[in-house]
Amino acid sequence: MTPTRPVITDISQLDLSQSYTYADYLSWKFSEYVELIRGKIFRKMSAPVSAHQIISGNLSGELYVHLKRKQCRAFAAPFDVRLLRSSGNGDAQIRTVVQPDLCVVCDPAKIDARGCLGAPDWIIEIILPSTACLDTATKFDLYAENDVTEYWLVFPLDKIIQAFVRSEQGEYVLVNSYEQSGPIPSHTLSELTLEWADIFDGVD
């Protein structure tokens, strides 16, 4: 008789040095948001600050209006993105589940009831001091490895946006760093140009 696995109701019950899968992730019953990257648990260290929420709302609003009645769709966290490079797509095979602040997915086949299965076309992460290393290093490499075409890093404190596009060699190339009022074009959505001032509207 197979022993019953204990129900995980608190992250403290997990061994953070161990490797886990999406099947494990689905079985956890705690409310804390975590991500899996190559099987390792990464905790959301703190609740988003107001500037983070304002920028996320501004970007979400702009993307929603632009993408209405179009094939591409925008999603805001919490939204599970299961990345499949070097793994199968079964729950017990998937070892990476992230929750980007915002992402745009243009292939409807990747969207299911549990989120996105496969790489989004465009990911935007809003950088906080507690997430800077994760977003600018670990996820930077992860997203390039998994064929995310466009990656934006938004820095609320400095009001800077760095836009990267994946090259044919599989590495991100900095397209531009936007630090003042003016247009910011999207590589993924060629007909979309956002305004720096609109993105940071309401951020002191």
N, C-alpha and C. Protein backbone atom coordinates (compact mmCIF):
# COMPACT_ATOMS: atom_id res chain seq x y z
N MET A 1 0.83 -1.19 0.00
CA MET A 1 0.00 0.00 0.00
C MET A 1 0.88 1.25 0.00
N THR A 2 0.62 2.17 -0.91
CA THR A 2 1.41 3.38 -1.03
C THR A 2 1.08 4.34 0.12
N PRO A 3 2.12 4.82 0.84
CA PRO A 3 1.84 5.74 1.96
C PRO A 3 1.26 7.05 1.45
N THR A 4 0.37 7.63 2.26
CA THR A 4 -0.25 8.90 1.90
C THR A 4 0.74 10.04 2.09
N ARG A 5 0.84 10.89 1.09
CA ARG A 5 1.74 12.03 1.19
C ARG A 5 1.11 13.08 2.12
N PRO A 6 1.91 13.72 2.96
CA PRO A 6 1.35 14.76 3.84
C PRO A 6 0.85 15.95 3.03
N VAL A 7 -0.21 16.57 3.49
CA VAL A 7 -0.74 17.76 2.83
C VAL A 7 0.12 18.95 3.24
N ILE A 8 0.63 19.67 2.24
CA ILE A 8 1.50 20.82 2.50
C ILE A 8 0.64 22.07 2.61
N THR A 9 0.54 22.58 3.82
CA THR A 9 -0.29 23.76 4.06
C THR A 9 0.54 25.00 4.41
N ASP A 10 1.84 24.81 4.54
CA ASP A 10 2.73 25.95 4.84
C ASP A 10 4.07 25.70 4.17
N ILE A 11 4.66 26.75 3.63
CA ILE A 11 5.92 26.58 2.90
C ILE A 11 7.03 26.05 3.80
N SER A 12 6.91 26.25 5.11
CA SER A 12 7.92 25.76 6.05
C SER A 12 7.99 24.23 6.06
N GLN A 13 6.98 23.57 5.52
CA GLN A 13 6.99 22.10 5.46
C GLN A 13 7.85 21.58 4.31
N LEU A 14 8.27 22.47 3.43
CA LEU A 14 9.06 22.06 2.28
C LEU A 14 10.55 22.24 2.54
N ASP A 15 11.33 21.38 1.92
CA ASP A 15 12.78 21.50 1.97
C ASP A 15 13.21 22.32 0.75
N LEU A 16 13.60 23.56 0.97
CA LEU A 16 13.89 24.46 -0.15
C LEU A 16 15.16 24.07 -0.91
N SER A 17 15.91 23.12 -0.38
CA SER A 17 17.10 22.65 -1.10
C SER A 17 16.77 21.54 -2.09
N GLN A 18 15.53 21.01 -2.01
CA GLN A 18 15.13 19.92 -2.88
C GLN A 18 14.60 20.45 -4.22
N SER A 19 14.42 19.53 -5.16
CA SER A 19 13.89 19.87 -6.49
C SER A 19 12.44 19.41 -6.59
N TYR A 20 11.58 20.28 -7.16
CA TYR A 20 10.16 19.99 -7.23
C TYR A 20 9.66 20.16 -8.67
N THR A 21 8.45 19.67 -8.90
CA THR A 21 7.84 19.75 -10.23
C THR A 21 6.51 20.50 -10.15
N TYR A 22 5.92 20.73 -11.30
CA TYR A 22 4.62 21.39 -11.35
C TYR A 22 3.56 20.54 -10.66
N ALA A 23 3.69 19.22 -10.72
CA ALA A 23 2.75 18.34 -10.03
C ALA A 23 2.80 18.59 -8.52
N ASP A 24 4.01 18.76 -7.98
CA ASP A 24 4.15 19.10 -6.57
C ASP A 24 3.50 20.46 -6.29
N TYR A 25 3.82 21.41 -7.13
CA TYR A 25 3.33 22.79 -7.00
C TYR A 25 1.80 22.82 -6.91
N LEU A 26 1.14 22.02 -7.75
CA LEU A 26 -0.32 21.99 -7.75
C LEU A 26 -0.89 21.39 -6.46
N SER A 27 -0.11 20.57 -5.78
CA SER A 27 -0.61 19.90 -4.57
C SER A 27 -0.49 20.75 -3.32
N TRP A 28 0.30 21.85 -3.39
CA TRP A 28 0.51 22.67 -2.20
C TRP A 28 -0.73 23.48 -1.88
N LYS A 29 -1.05 23.58 -0.61
CA LYS A 29 -2.30 24.21 -0.17
C LYS A 29 -2.08 25.53 0.58
N PHE A 30 -0.87 26.10 0.47
CA PHE A 30 -0.64 27.37 1.15
C PHE A 30 -0.92 28.54 0.20
N SER A 31 -1.15 29.72 0.77
CA SER A 31 -1.55 30.88 -0.02
C SER A 31 -0.37 31.71 -0.52
N GLU A 32 0.81 31.48 0.02
CA GLU A 32 1.98 32.27 -0.38
C GLU A 32 2.34 31.98 -1.83
N TYR A 33 2.61 33.03 -2.59
CA TYR A 33 2.99 32.85 -3.99
C TYR A 33 4.48 32.47 -4.09
N VAL A 34 4.73 31.42 -4.85
CA VAL A 34 6.11 31.00 -5.10
C VAL A 34 6.26 30.72 -6.58
N GLU A 35 7.50 30.65 -7.02
CA GLU A 35 7.82 30.26 -8.38
C GLU A 35 8.78 29.08 -8.33
N LEU A 36 8.74 28.26 -9.36
CA LEU A 36 9.72 27.18 -9.52
C LEU A 36 10.62 27.52 -10.70
N ILE A 37 11.91 27.46 -10.48
CA ILE A 37 12.86 27.69 -11.57
C ILE A 37 13.84 26.53 -11.58
N ARG A 38 13.74 25.73 -12.62
CA ARG A 38 14.55 24.52 -12.75
C ARG A 38 14.43 23.64 -11.50
N GLY A 39 13.21 23.58 -10.98
CA GLY A 39 12.92 22.70 -9.85
C GLY A 39 13.10 23.32 -8.48
N LYS A 40 13.73 24.49 -8.41
CA LYS A 40 13.99 25.13 -7.13
C LYS A 40 12.92 26.17 -6.81
N ILE A 41 12.55 26.27 -5.53
CA ILE A 41 11.52 27.20 -5.10
C ILE A 41 12.10 28.59 -4.90
N PHE A 42 11.43 29.58 -5.47
CA PHE A 42 11.77 30.98 -5.24
C PHE A 42 10.55 31.65 -4.64
N ARG A 43 10.73 32.25 -3.48
CA ARG A 43 9.62 32.87 -2.76
C ARG A 43 9.45 34.31 -3.18
N LYS A 44 8.19 34.76 -3.23
CA LYS A 44 7.90 36.19 -3.37
C LYS A 44 8.16 36.81 -1.99
N MET A 45 9.22 37.61 -1.90
CA MET A 45 9.70 38.03 -0.59
C MET A 45 8.80 39.02 0.13
N SER A 46 8.05 39.85 -0.63
CA SER A 46 7.19 40.83 0.02
C SER A 46 6.09 41.24 -0.93
N ALA A 47 5.05 41.86 -0.38
CA ALA A 47 3.96 42.35 -1.22
C ALA A 47 4.45 43.49 -2.10
N PRO A 48 3.92 43.63 -3.32
CA PRO A 48 4.33 44.73 -4.19
C PRO A 48 4.04 46.08 -3.55
N VAL A 49 4.97 47.03 -3.74
CA VAL A 49 4.76 48.38 -3.25
C VAL A 49 3.80 49.11 -4.18
N SER A 50 3.33 50.29 -3.73
CA SER A 50 2.31 51.00 -4.51
C SER A 50 2.79 51.36 -5.90
N ALA A 51 4.07 51.77 -6.05
CA ALA A 51 4.59 52.14 -7.37
C ALA A 51 4.52 50.94 -8.32
N HIS A 52 4.82 49.76 -7.80
CA HIS A 52 4.74 48.53 -8.60
C HIS A 52 3.31 48.33 -9.10
N GLN A 53 2.35 48.48 -8.20
CA GLN A 53 0.95 48.26 -8.57
C GLN A 53 0.45 49.31 -9.55
N ILE A 54 0.88 50.55 -9.37
CA ILE A 54 0.46 51.62 -10.28
C ILE A 54 0.98 51.35 -11.69
N ILE A 55 2.26 51.00 -11.79
CA ILE A 55 2.86 50.74 -13.10
C ILE A 55 2.21 49.52 -13.75
N SER A 56 1.98 48.48 -12.97
CA SER A 56 1.33 47.28 -13.50
C SER A 56 -0.06 47.62 -14.04
N GLY A 57 -0.81 48.43 -13.27
CA GLY A 57 -2.14 48.83 -13.72
C GLY A 57 -2.09 49.68 -14.98
N ASN A 58 -1.14 50.62 -15.04
CA ASN A 58 -1.01 51.46 -16.23
C ASN A 58 -0.70 50.64 -17.47
N LEU A 59 0.24 49.71 -17.34
CA LEU A 59 0.61 48.87 -18.48
C LEU A 59 -0.54 47.93 -18.86
N SER A 60 -1.19 47.35 -17.87
CA SER A 60 -2.31 46.45 -18.15
C SER A 60 -3.41 47.17 -18.91
N GLY A 61 -3.71 48.40 -18.48
CA GLY A 61 -4.75 49.17 -19.15
C GLY A 61 -4.41 49.46 -20.60
N GLU A 62 -3.17 49.87 -20.84
CA GLU A 62 -2.73 50.17 -22.21
C GLU A 62 -2.80 48.91 -23.09
N LEU A 63 -2.32 47.80 -22.54
CA LEU A 63 -2.32 46.55 -23.33
C LEU A 63 -3.73 46.05 -23.57
N TYR A 64 -4.59 46.16 -22.57
CA TYR A 64 -5.98 45.70 -22.73
C TYR A 64 -6.67 46.45 -23.86
N VAL A 65 -6.53 47.77 -23.86
CA VAL A 65 -7.18 48.57 -24.90
C VAL A 65 -6.63 48.21 -26.28
N HIS A 66 -5.31 48.08 -26.35
CA HIS A 66 -4.70 47.80 -27.66
C HIS A 66 -5.06 46.42 -28.19
N LEU A 67 -5.15 45.44 -27.30
CA LEU A 67 -5.34 44.05 -27.73
C LEU A 67 -6.80 43.61 -27.79
N LYS A 68 -7.72 44.50 -27.46
CA LYS A 68 -9.13 44.13 -27.49
C LYS A 68 -9.52 43.63 -28.88
N ARG A 69 -10.15 42.46 -28.89
CA ARG A 69 -10.60 41.79 -30.12
C ARG A 69 -9.44 41.36 -31.03
N LYS A 70 -8.25 41.20 -30.47
CA LYS A 70 -7.11 40.70 -31.24
C LYS A 70 -6.67 39.35 -30.69
N GLN A 71 -5.86 38.65 -31.46
CA GLN A 71 -5.46 37.30 -31.08
C GLN A 71 -4.55 37.29 -29.86
N CYS A 72 -3.60 38.22 -29.79
CA CYS A 72 -2.70 38.28 -28.65
C CYS A 72 -3.48 38.66 -27.40
N ARG A 73 -3.04 38.15 -26.26
CA ARG A 73 -3.68 38.44 -25.00
C ARG A 73 -2.62 38.84 -23.96
N ALA A 74 -2.98 39.78 -23.08
CA ALA A 74 -2.09 40.19 -22.00
C ALA A 74 -2.60 39.62 -20.68
N PHE A 75 -1.68 39.21 -19.83
CA PHE A 75 -2.02 38.64 -18.53
C PHE A 75 -1.13 39.26 -17.46
N ALA A 76 -1.72 39.51 -16.29
CA ALA A 76 -0.99 40.07 -15.15
C ALA A 76 -0.92 39.04 -14.02
N ALA A 77 0.15 39.09 -13.24
CA ALA A 77 0.30 38.18 -12.10
C ALA A 77 -0.82 38.42 -11.08
N PRO A 78 -1.24 37.35 -10.39
CA PRO A 78 -0.72 35.98 -10.46
C PRO A 78 -1.26 35.22 -11.66
N PHE A 79 -0.35 34.68 -12.46
CA PHE A 79 -0.70 33.94 -13.67
C PHE A 79 0.44 32.98 -13.95
N ASP A 80 0.17 31.68 -13.85
CA ASP A 80 1.23 30.68 -13.99
C ASP A 80 1.68 30.52 -15.44
N VAL A 81 2.98 30.65 -15.65
CA VAL A 81 3.59 30.39 -16.95
C VAL A 81 4.52 29.20 -16.78
N ARG A 82 4.18 28.10 -17.46
CA ARG A 82 4.96 26.87 -17.37
C ARG A 82 5.92 26.83 -18.57
N LEU A 83 7.22 26.87 -18.27
CA LEU A 83 8.23 26.86 -19.33
C LEU A 83 8.75 25.45 -19.54
N LEU A 84 8.94 25.08 -20.80
CA LEU A 84 9.09 23.67 -21.15
C LEU A 84 10.46 23.28 -21.68
N ARG A 85 11.38 24.22 -21.83
CA ARG A 85 12.67 23.87 -22.41
C ARG A 85 13.32 22.73 -21.63
N SER A 86 13.77 21.72 -22.34
CA SER A 86 14.44 20.55 -21.76
C SER A 86 13.53 19.70 -20.87
N SER A 87 12.22 19.80 -21.08
CA SER A 87 11.31 18.93 -20.32
C SER A 87 10.10 18.63 -21.18
N GLY A 88 9.32 17.63 -20.76
CA GLY A 88 8.06 17.38 -21.41
C GLY A 88 7.01 18.31 -20.84
N ASN A 89 5.76 18.18 -21.33
CA ASN A 89 4.72 19.08 -20.85
C ASN A 89 3.77 18.43 -19.85
N GLY A 90 4.14 17.24 -19.34
CA GLY A 90 3.35 16.63 -18.28
C GLY A 90 3.62 17.32 -16.95
N ASP A 91 2.63 17.32 -16.06
CA ASP A 91 2.77 18.02 -14.79
C ASP A 91 4.01 17.57 -14.01
N ALA A 92 4.31 16.27 -14.06
CA ALA A 92 5.44 15.73 -13.32
C ALA A 92 6.77 15.96 -14.03
N GLN A 93 6.73 16.47 -15.26
CA GLN A 93 7.95 16.75 -16.00
C GLN A 93 8.33 18.23 -15.97
N ILE A 94 7.36 19.09 -15.82
CA ILE A 94 7.60 20.53 -15.82
C ILE A 94 8.28 20.93 -14.52
N ARG A 95 9.41 21.64 -14.63
CA ARG A 95 10.18 22.02 -13.45
C ARG A 95 10.31 23.54 -13.29
N THR A 96 9.68 24.27 -14.21
CA THR A 96 9.74 25.74 -14.12
C THR A 96 8.36 26.34 -14.28
N VAL A 97 7.92 27.06 -13.26
CA VAL A 97 6.63 27.77 -13.26
C VAL A 97 6.89 29.16 -12.70
N VAL A 98 6.72 30.17 -13.54
CA VAL A 98 6.97 31.54 -13.10
C VAL A 98 5.69 32.36 -13.20
N GLN A 99 5.70 33.49 -12.52
CA GLN A 99 4.56 34.41 -12.54
C GLN A 99 5.07 35.81 -12.91
N PRO A 100 5.26 36.06 -14.19
CA PRO A 100 5.72 37.39 -14.61
C PRO A 100 4.72 38.46 -14.20
N ASP A 101 5.20 39.66 -13.95
CA ASP A 101 4.29 40.74 -13.61
C ASP A 101 3.28 40.96 -14.73
N LEU A 102 3.75 40.93 -15.97
CA LEU A 102 2.88 41.04 -17.15
C LEU A 102 3.47 40.19 -18.26
N CYS A 103 2.61 39.61 -19.06
CA CYS A 103 3.10 38.90 -20.24
C CYS A 103 2.07 38.98 -21.36
N VAL A 104 2.57 38.89 -22.58
CA VAL A 104 1.71 38.88 -23.76
C VAL A 104 1.93 37.56 -24.49
N VAL A 105 0.82 36.87 -24.77
CA VAL A 105 0.85 35.57 -25.45
C VAL A 105 0.06 35.69 -26.74
N CYS A 106 0.70 35.38 -27.87
CA CYS A 106 0.04 35.54 -29.17
C CYS A 106 -0.40 34.22 -29.80
N ASP A 107 -0.08 33.11 -29.16
CA ASP A 107 -0.51 31.79 -29.65
C ASP A 107 -1.62 31.28 -28.73
N PRO A 108 -2.88 31.31 -29.18
CA PRO A 108 -3.99 30.87 -28.32
C PRO A 108 -3.85 29.44 -27.83
N ALA A 109 -3.12 28.59 -28.57
CA ALA A 109 -2.97 27.20 -28.18
C ALA A 109 -2.17 27.05 -26.88
N LYS A 110 -1.42 28.08 -26.50
CA LYS A 110 -0.63 28.01 -25.27
C LYS A 110 -1.45 28.32 -24.02
N ILE A 111 -2.65 28.86 -24.19
CA ILE A 111 -3.47 29.26 -23.05
C ILE A 111 -4.43 28.14 -22.68
N ASP A 112 -4.42 27.77 -21.41
CA ASP A 112 -5.38 26.78 -20.92
C ASP A 112 -5.94 27.27 -19.58
N ALA A 113 -6.72 26.42 -18.94
CA ALA A 113 -7.40 26.83 -17.71
C ALA A 113 -6.43 27.16 -16.58
N ARG A 114 -5.19 26.67 -16.66
CA ARG A 114 -4.24 26.87 -15.57
C ARG A 114 -3.19 27.94 -15.87
N GLY A 115 -3.28 28.57 -17.02
CA GLY A 115 -2.32 29.62 -17.35
C GLY A 115 -1.77 29.46 -18.74
N CYS A 116 -0.46 29.61 -18.87
CA CYS A 116 0.23 29.53 -20.16
C CYS A 116 1.17 28.34 -20.16
N LEU A 117 1.05 27.49 -21.17
CA LEU A 117 1.93 26.32 -21.32
C LEU A 117 2.89 26.61 -22.47
N GLY A 118 4.09 27.04 -22.13
CA GLY A 118 5.06 27.45 -23.14
C GLY A 118 5.43 28.92 -22.94
N ALA A 119 6.34 29.39 -23.77
CA ALA A 119 6.88 30.73 -23.59
C ALA A 119 5.96 31.82 -24.12
N PRO A 120 5.69 32.86 -23.33
CA PRO A 120 5.01 34.04 -23.87
C PRO A 120 5.90 34.73 -24.90
N ASP A 121 5.29 35.59 -25.69
CA ASP A 121 6.06 36.34 -26.68
C ASP A 121 6.78 37.52 -26.04
N TRP A 122 6.18 38.09 -25.00
CA TRP A 122 6.73 39.31 -24.38
C TRP A 122 6.46 39.23 -22.88
N ILE A 123 7.51 39.46 -22.10
CA ILE A 123 7.39 39.48 -20.64
C ILE A 123 7.89 40.82 -20.11
N ILE A 124 7.15 41.35 -19.13
CA ILE A 124 7.54 42.59 -18.46
C ILE A 124 7.64 42.31 -16.97
N GLU A 125 8.80 42.58 -16.39
CA GLU A 125 8.98 42.46 -14.94
C GLU A 125 9.23 43.85 -14.36
N ILE A 126 8.53 44.17 -13.27
CA ILE A 126 8.68 45.45 -12.57
C ILE A 126 9.61 45.20 -11.39
N ILE A 127 10.75 45.87 -11.39
CA ILE A 127 11.84 45.51 -10.49
C ILE A 127 11.72 46.20 -9.14
N LEU A 128 11.75 45.38 -8.09
CA LEU A 128 11.83 45.85 -6.71
C LEU A 128 13.20 45.44 -6.15
N PRO A 129 13.67 46.13 -5.11
CA PRO A 129 14.96 45.72 -4.52
C PRO A 129 15.01 44.24 -4.15
N SER A 130 13.88 43.71 -3.66
CA SER A 130 13.86 42.31 -3.22
C SER A 130 13.86 41.32 -4.39
N THR A 131 13.54 41.79 -5.60
CA THR A 131 13.47 40.88 -6.76
C THR A 131 14.50 41.21 -7.83
N ALA A 132 15.35 42.20 -7.59
CA ALA A 132 16.26 42.69 -8.63
C ALA A 132 17.18 41.59 -9.17
N CYS A 133 17.78 40.83 -8.27
CA CYS A 133 18.71 39.78 -8.70
C CYS A 133 17.97 38.70 -9.50
N LEU A 134 16.80 38.31 -9.02
CA LEU A 134 16.01 37.29 -9.70
C LEU A 134 15.61 37.74 -11.10
N ASP A 135 15.10 38.97 -11.21
CA ASP A 135 14.56 39.45 -12.49
C ASP A 135 15.65 39.83 -13.49
N THR A 136 16.78 40.37 -13.01
CA THR A 136 17.80 40.86 -13.92
C THR A 136 18.89 39.83 -14.23
N ALA A 137 18.91 38.74 -13.50
CA ALA A 137 19.93 37.71 -13.74
C ALA A 137 19.29 36.34 -13.98
N THR A 138 18.69 35.75 -12.94
CA THR A 138 18.14 34.40 -13.07
C THR A 138 17.06 34.33 -14.14
N LYS A 139 16.05 35.20 -14.05
CA LYS A 139 14.97 35.18 -15.03
C LYS A 139 15.43 35.69 -16.39
N PHE A 140 16.36 36.61 -16.38
CA PHE A 140 16.92 37.14 -17.63
C PHE A 140 17.44 35.98 -18.49
N ASP A 141 18.25 35.13 -17.88
CA ASP A 141 18.80 33.98 -18.60
C ASP A 141 17.72 32.95 -18.91
N LEU A 142 16.83 32.74 -17.94
CA LEU A 142 15.77 31.75 -18.11
C LEU A 142 14.87 32.09 -19.29
N TYR A 143 14.44 33.34 -19.39
CA TYR A 143 13.53 33.74 -20.45
C TYR A 143 14.21 33.66 -21.82
N ALA A 144 15.48 34.04 -21.89
CA ALA A 144 16.20 33.91 -23.16
C ALA A 144 16.32 32.44 -23.56
N GLU A 145 16.64 31.60 -22.61
CA GLU A 145 16.78 30.15 -22.86
C GLU A 145 15.48 29.54 -23.38
N ASN A 146 14.35 30.07 -22.92
CA ASN A 146 13.05 29.51 -23.27
C ASN A 146 12.35 30.25 -24.41
N ASP A 147 13.11 31.06 -25.16
CA ASP A 147 12.61 31.69 -26.40
C ASP A 147 11.55 32.76 -26.19
N VAL A 148 11.60 33.45 -25.06
CA VAL A 148 10.75 34.64 -24.88
C VAL A 148 11.37 35.75 -25.73
N THR A 149 10.65 36.20 -26.76
CA THR A 149 11.24 37.09 -27.76
C THR A 149 11.61 38.45 -27.19
N GLU A 150 10.74 39.03 -26.36
CA GLU A 150 10.96 40.40 -25.87
C GLU A 150 10.84 40.42 -24.34
N TYR A 151 11.76 41.15 -23.71
CA TYR A 151 11.79 41.22 -22.25
C TYR A 151 12.04 42.66 -21.83
N TRP A 152 11.11 43.20 -21.03
CA TRP A 152 11.27 44.56 -20.50
C TRP A 152 11.53 44.49 -19.00
N LEU A 153 12.47 45.30 -18.54
CA LEU A 153 12.71 45.51 -17.12
C LEU A 153 12.29 46.94 -16.80
N VAL A 154 11.36 47.08 -15.85
CA VAL A 154 10.85 48.40 -15.47
C VAL A 154 11.32 48.70 -14.04
N PHE A 155 12.02 49.81 -13.89
CA PHE A 155 12.58 50.21 -12.60
C PHE A 155 11.78 51.39 -12.05
N PRO A 156 10.87 51.15 -11.09
CA PRO A 156 9.99 52.21 -10.58
C PRO A 156 10.74 53.36 -9.91
N LEU A 157 11.78 53.06 -9.12
CA LEU A 157 12.46 54.11 -8.38
C LEU A 157 13.19 55.08 -9.30
N ASP A 158 13.82 54.56 -10.35
CA ASP A 158 14.57 55.40 -11.29
C ASP A 158 13.75 55.81 -12.50
N LYS A 159 12.56 55.23 -12.64
CA LYS A 159 11.69 55.48 -13.79
C LYS A 159 12.43 55.21 -15.10
N ILE A 160 13.00 54.04 -15.16
CA ILE A 160 13.74 53.59 -16.34
C ILE A 160 13.11 52.30 -16.86
N ILE A 161 13.03 52.18 -18.17
CA ILE A 161 12.59 50.94 -18.82
C ILE A 161 13.71 50.46 -19.74
N GLN A 162 14.16 49.24 -19.54
CA GLN A 162 15.13 48.62 -20.44
C GLN A 162 14.41 47.59 -21.28
N ALA A 163 14.50 47.74 -22.59
CA ALA A 163 13.83 46.83 -23.52
C ALA A 163 14.86 45.94 -24.20
N PHE A 164 14.68 44.62 -24.08
CA PHE A 164 15.58 43.64 -24.68
C PHE A 164 14.82 42.81 -25.71
N VAL A 165 15.52 42.41 -26.76
CA VAL A 165 14.97 41.50 -27.77
C VAL A 165 15.95 40.35 -27.96
N ARG A 166 15.42 39.16 -28.06
CA ARG A 166 16.26 37.96 -28.20
C ARG A 166 16.85 37.88 -29.60
N SER A 167 18.15 37.69 -29.68
CA SER A 167 18.84 37.60 -30.96
C SER A 167 18.75 36.20 -31.54
N GLU A 168 19.20 36.04 -32.76
CA GLU A 168 19.23 34.71 -33.40
C GLU A 168 20.17 33.77 -32.66
N GLN A 169 21.12 34.33 -31.92
CA GLN A 169 22.06 33.51 -31.15
C GLN A 169 21.48 33.09 -29.80
N GLY A 170 20.24 33.54 -29.51
CA GLY A 170 19.58 33.13 -28.29
C GLY A 170 19.92 33.97 -27.07
N GLU A 171 20.47 35.17 -27.29
CA GLU A 171 20.82 36.05 -26.19
C GLU A 171 20.04 37.35 -26.31
N TYR A 172 19.78 37.99 -25.16
CA TYR A 172 19.07 39.26 -25.19
C TYR A 172 20.01 40.40 -25.56
N VAL A 173 19.51 41.25 -26.44
CA VAL A 173 20.23 42.45 -26.86
C VAL A 173 19.43 43.65 -26.39
N LEU A 174 20.10 44.60 -25.73
CA LEU A 174 19.42 45.81 -25.28
C LEU A 174 19.07 46.68 -26.47
N VAL A 175 17.76 46.89 -26.70
CA VAL A 175 17.31 47.73 -27.80
C VAL A 175 17.45 49.20 -27.42
N ASN A 176 17.01 49.53 -26.20
CA ASN A 176 17.12 50.90 -25.72
C ASN A 176 16.81 50.94 -24.22
N SER A 177 17.29 51.99 -23.59
CA SER A 177 16.96 52.28 -22.20
C SER A 177 16.24 53.62 -22.18
N TYR A 178 14.99 53.60 -21.72
CA TYR A 178 14.13 54.78 -21.78
C TYR A 178 14.07 55.42 -20.40
N GLU A 179 14.51 56.67 -20.32
CA GLU A 179 14.65 57.34 -19.03
C GLU A 179 13.91 58.66 -18.94
N GLN A 180 13.20 59.04 -19.99
CA GLN A 180 12.49 60.31 -19.98
C GLN A 180 11.30 60.24 -20.92
N SER A 181 10.45 61.26 -20.86
CA SER A 181 9.22 61.27 -21.63
C SER A 181 9.48 61.07 -23.11
N GLY A 182 8.68 60.21 -23.71
CA GLY A 182 8.81 59.92 -25.14
C GLY A 182 8.21 58.57 -25.47
N PRO A 183 8.16 58.22 -26.76
CA PRO A 183 7.55 56.96 -27.20
C PRO A 183 8.44 55.76 -26.93
N ILE A 184 7.80 54.63 -26.63
CA ILE A 184 8.50 53.36 -26.43
C ILE A 184 7.82 52.31 -27.30
N PRO A 185 8.45 51.93 -28.41
CA PRO A 185 7.82 50.95 -29.30
C PRO A 185 7.96 49.53 -28.77
N SER A 186 7.00 48.70 -29.12
CA SER A 186 7.07 47.27 -28.80
C SER A 186 7.56 46.51 -30.01
N HIS A 187 8.49 45.59 -29.76
CA HIS A 187 8.96 44.73 -30.84
C HIS A 187 7.92 43.66 -31.17
N THR A 188 7.28 43.11 -30.15
CA THR A 188 6.30 42.04 -30.33
C THR A 188 5.05 42.54 -31.05
N LEU A 189 4.56 43.68 -30.63
CA LEU A 189 3.35 44.28 -31.22
C LEU A 189 3.81 45.50 -32.01
N SER A 190 4.15 45.29 -33.26
CA SER A 190 4.82 46.33 -34.06
C SER A 190 3.97 47.59 -34.22
N GLU A 191 2.65 47.46 -34.08
CA GLU A 191 1.77 48.62 -34.24
C GLU A 191 1.55 49.37 -32.92
N LEU A 192 2.16 48.87 -31.81
CA LEU A 192 1.96 49.48 -30.50
C LEU A 192 3.16 50.32 -30.10
N THR A 193 2.89 51.56 -29.71
CA THR A 193 3.90 52.43 -29.11
C THR A 193 3.33 52.98 -27.81
N LEU A 194 4.02 52.72 -26.72
CA LEU A 194 3.60 53.22 -25.41
C LEU A 194 4.32 54.52 -25.11
N GLU A 195 3.75 55.30 -24.22
CA GLU A 195 4.36 56.55 -23.80
C GLU A 195 4.98 56.39 -22.41
N TRP A 196 6.24 56.78 -22.29
CA TRP A 196 6.94 56.71 -21.01
C TRP A 196 6.13 57.38 -19.90
N ALA A 197 5.59 58.55 -20.17
CA ALA A 197 4.84 59.29 -19.16
C ALA A 197 3.58 58.56 -18.73
N ASP A 198 2.95 57.84 -19.64
CA ASP A 198 1.73 57.09 -19.30
C ASP A 198 2.06 55.90 -18.41
N ILE A 199 3.18 55.27 -18.66
CA ILE A 199 3.59 54.09 -17.86
C ILE A 199 3.86 54.49 -16.41
N PHE A 200 4.50 55.65 -16.22
CA PHE A 200 4.87 56.08 -14.88
C PHE A 200 3.88 57.10 -14.29
N ASP A 201 2.75 57.26 -14.92
CA ASP A 201 1.73 58.20 -14.43
C ASP A 201 1.27 57.79 -13.03
N GLY A 202 1.34 58.70 -12.09
CA GLY A 202 0.92 58.42 -10.72
C GLY A 202 2.02 57.95 -9.81
N VAL A 203 3.24 57.74 -10.35
CA VAL A 203 4.37 57.31 -9.55
C VAL A 203 5.18 58.53 -9.13
N ASP A 204 5.26 58.79 -7.85
CA ASP A 204 6.00 59.96 -7.35
C ASP A 204 7.49 59.66 -7.32
